[in-house]
Amino acid sequence: MTYTAERLWEEAVYVAYYLHWPLDAILELEHPARVQVIKELNGIHRKINGTDEEGR
């Protein structure tokens, strides 16, 4: 599966913003691992904001 450079940048910036990881470390992650990191960050973000899985 391929995805756009734009999507890769969105993922990289999201992870960098929340975890303060350097770009090289983020780009070294395989796509499935990067997606899992983002999924976990989203879960933490929802808990902090008191929202459920649908964003309510």
N, C-alpha and C. Protein backbone atom coordinates (compact mmCIF):
# COMPACT_ATOMS: atom_id res chain seq x y z
N MET A 1 0.85 -1.18 0.00
CA MET A 1 0.00 0.00 0.00
C MET A 1 0.89 1.24 0.00
N THR A 2 0.55 2.19 -0.82
CA THR A 2 1.28 3.44 -0.83
C THR A 2 0.38 4.57 -0.33
N TYR A 3 0.99 5.61 0.11
CA TYR A 3 0.23 6.77 0.54
C TYR A 3 1.03 8.00 0.16
N THR A 4 0.40 9.12 0.18
CA THR A 4 1.00 10.33 -0.35
C THR A 4 2.06 10.91 0.60
N ALA A 5 2.92 11.71 0.02
CA ALA A 5 3.91 12.42 0.82
C ALA A 5 3.21 13.35 1.81
N GLU A 6 2.07 13.91 1.39
CA GLU A 6 1.30 14.78 2.28
C GLU A 6 0.86 14.03 3.53
N ARG A 7 0.39 12.81 3.34
CA ARG A 7 -0.05 11.99 4.48
C ARG A 7 1.12 11.66 5.39
N LEU A 8 2.27 11.35 4.81
CA LEU A 8 3.46 11.07 5.60
C LEU A 8 3.84 12.27 6.46
N TRP A 9 3.80 13.47 5.88
CA TRP A 9 4.10 14.68 6.64
C TRP A 9 3.08 14.91 7.75
N GLU A 10 1.80 14.66 7.48
CA GLU A 10 0.77 14.82 8.52
C GLU A 10 1.08 13.91 9.70
N GLU A 11 1.41 12.67 9.41
CA GLU A 11 1.74 11.72 10.47
C GLU A 11 2.98 12.16 11.24
N ALA A 12 4.02 12.55 10.51
CA ALA A 12 5.28 12.94 11.14
C ALA A 12 5.10 14.16 12.03
N VAL A 13 4.39 15.15 11.55
CA VAL A 13 4.18 16.38 12.33
C VAL A 13 3.34 16.08 13.58
N TYR A 14 2.35 15.24 13.44
CA TYR A 14 1.50 14.88 14.59
C TYR A 14 2.34 14.23 15.69
N VAL A 15 3.15 13.25 15.30
CA VAL A 15 3.98 12.55 16.29
C VAL A 15 5.02 13.52 16.87
N ALA A 16 5.64 14.31 16.03
CA ALA A 16 6.65 15.26 16.51
C ALA A 16 6.05 16.26 17.49
N TYR A 17 4.85 16.72 17.20
CA TYR A 17 4.19 17.70 18.07
C TYR A 17 3.94 17.14 19.46
N TYR A 18 3.40 15.94 19.53
CA TYR A 18 3.03 15.37 20.82
C TYR A 18 4.18 14.71 21.56
N LEU A 19 5.11 14.09 20.85
CA LEU A 19 6.18 13.35 21.52
C LEU A 19 7.54 14.04 21.45
N HIS A 20 7.63 15.10 20.65
CA HIS A 20 8.88 15.84 20.50
C HIS A 20 10.01 14.95 19.99
N TRP A 21 9.65 14.00 19.14
CA TRP A 21 10.65 13.13 18.53
C TRP A 21 11.26 13.84 17.34
N PRO A 22 12.53 13.57 17.05
CA PRO A 22 13.14 14.14 15.84
C PRO A 22 12.56 13.50 14.58
N LEU A 23 12.56 14.25 13.51
CA LEU A 23 11.99 13.78 12.26
C LEU A 23 12.60 12.45 11.81
N ASP A 24 13.91 12.31 11.93
CA ASP A 24 14.56 11.07 11.51
C ASP A 24 14.00 9.85 12.24
N ALA A 25 13.77 9.99 13.53
CA ALA A 25 13.24 8.86 14.31
C ALA A 25 11.83 8.50 13.86
N ILE A 26 11.03 9.50 13.55
CA ILE A 26 9.65 9.26 13.11
C ILE A 26 9.64 8.58 11.75
N LEU A 27 10.47 9.08 10.84
CA LEU A 27 10.50 8.52 9.49
C LEU A 27 11.08 7.12 9.44
N GLU A 28 11.87 6.75 10.43
CA GLU A 28 12.43 5.39 10.49
C GLU A 28 11.38 4.36 10.87
N LEU A 29 10.29 4.80 11.48
CA LEU A 29 9.22 3.86 11.84
C LEU A 29 8.55 3.33 10.57
N GLU A 30 8.24 2.06 10.57
CA GLU A 30 7.41 1.51 9.49
C GLU A 30 6.02 2.12 9.62
N HIS A 31 5.34 2.24 8.49
CA HIS A 31 4.02 2.87 8.49
C HIS A 31 3.07 2.26 9.53
N PRO A 32 2.94 0.93 9.63
CA PRO A 32 2.01 0.39 10.64
C PRO A 32 2.38 0.80 12.07
N ALA A 33 3.65 0.89 12.37
CA ALA A 33 4.07 1.31 13.71
C ALA A 33 3.72 2.78 13.94
N ARG A 34 3.94 3.61 12.93
CA ARG A 34 3.61 5.03 13.03
C ARG A 34 2.11 5.21 13.23
N VAL A 35 1.31 4.44 12.51
CA VAL A 35 -0.15 4.51 12.65
C VAL A 35 -0.56 4.09 14.06
N GLN A 36 0.10 3.07 14.61
CA GLN A 36 -0.23 2.62 15.97
C GLN A 36 0.12 3.70 17.00
N VAL A 37 1.26 4.36 16.82
CA VAL A 37 1.64 5.45 17.72
C VAL A 37 0.58 6.55 17.67
N ILE A 38 0.15 6.90 16.47
CA ILE A 38 -0.88 7.94 16.31
C ILE A 38 -2.19 7.51 16.96
N LYS A 39 -2.56 6.26 16.80
CA LYS A 39 -3.79 5.74 17.41
C LYS A 39 -3.72 5.87 18.93
N GLU A 40 -2.59 5.52 19.50
CA GLU A 40 -2.43 5.62 20.96
C GLU A 40 -2.45 7.08 21.41
N LEU A 41 -1.79 7.95 20.66
CA LEU A 41 -1.84 9.38 21.00
C LEU A 41 -3.25 9.92 20.95
N ASN A 42 -4.02 9.51 19.94
CA ASN A 42 -5.42 9.94 19.85
C ASN A 42 -6.21 9.49 21.06
N GLY A 43 -5.97 8.25 21.51
CA GLY A 43 -6.66 7.74 22.69
C GLY A 43 -6.34 8.55 23.93
N ILE A 44 -5.07 8.88 24.11
CA ILE A 44 -4.66 9.70 25.24
C ILE A 44 -5.30 11.08 25.15
N HIS A 45 -5.28 11.64 23.96
CA HIS A 45 -5.86 12.98 23.75
C HIS A 45 -7.35 12.97 24.08
N ARG A 46 -8.07 11.92 23.65
CA ARG A 46 -9.51 11.83 23.96
C ARG A 46 -9.74 11.73 25.46
N LYS A 47 -8.92 10.94 26.16
CA LYS A 47 -9.09 10.81 27.61
C LYS A 47 -8.87 12.14 28.31
N ILE A 48 -7.84 12.85 27.90
CA ILE A 48 -7.54 14.15 28.51
C ILE A 48 -8.69 15.12 28.29
N ASN A 49 -9.27 15.09 27.10
CA ASN A 49 -10.36 16.01 26.77
C ASN A 49 -11.72 15.51 27.20
N GLY A 50 -11.80 14.29 27.71
CA GLY A 50 -13.06 13.76 28.17
C GLY A 50 -14.03 13.42 27.06
N THR A 51 -13.51 13.05 25.88
CA THR A 51 -14.36 12.68 24.77
C THR A 51 -14.34 11.17 24.58
N ASP A 52 -15.42 10.63 24.04
CA ASP A 52 -15.47 9.21 23.75
C ASP A 52 -14.91 8.94 22.36
N GLU A 53 -15.04 7.72 21.90
CA GLU A 53 -14.48 7.33 20.60
C GLU A 53 -15.09 8.05 19.43
N GLU A 54 -16.33 8.52 19.54
CA GLU A 54 -16.94 9.27 18.45
C GLU A 54 -16.61 10.75 18.51
N GLY A 55 -15.81 11.15 19.51
CA GLY A 55 -15.42 12.55 19.61
C GLY A 55 -16.43 13.43 20.33
N ARG A 56 -17.38 12.79 21.04
CA ARG A 56 -18.38 13.57 21.78
C ARG A 56 -17.91 13.87 23.17
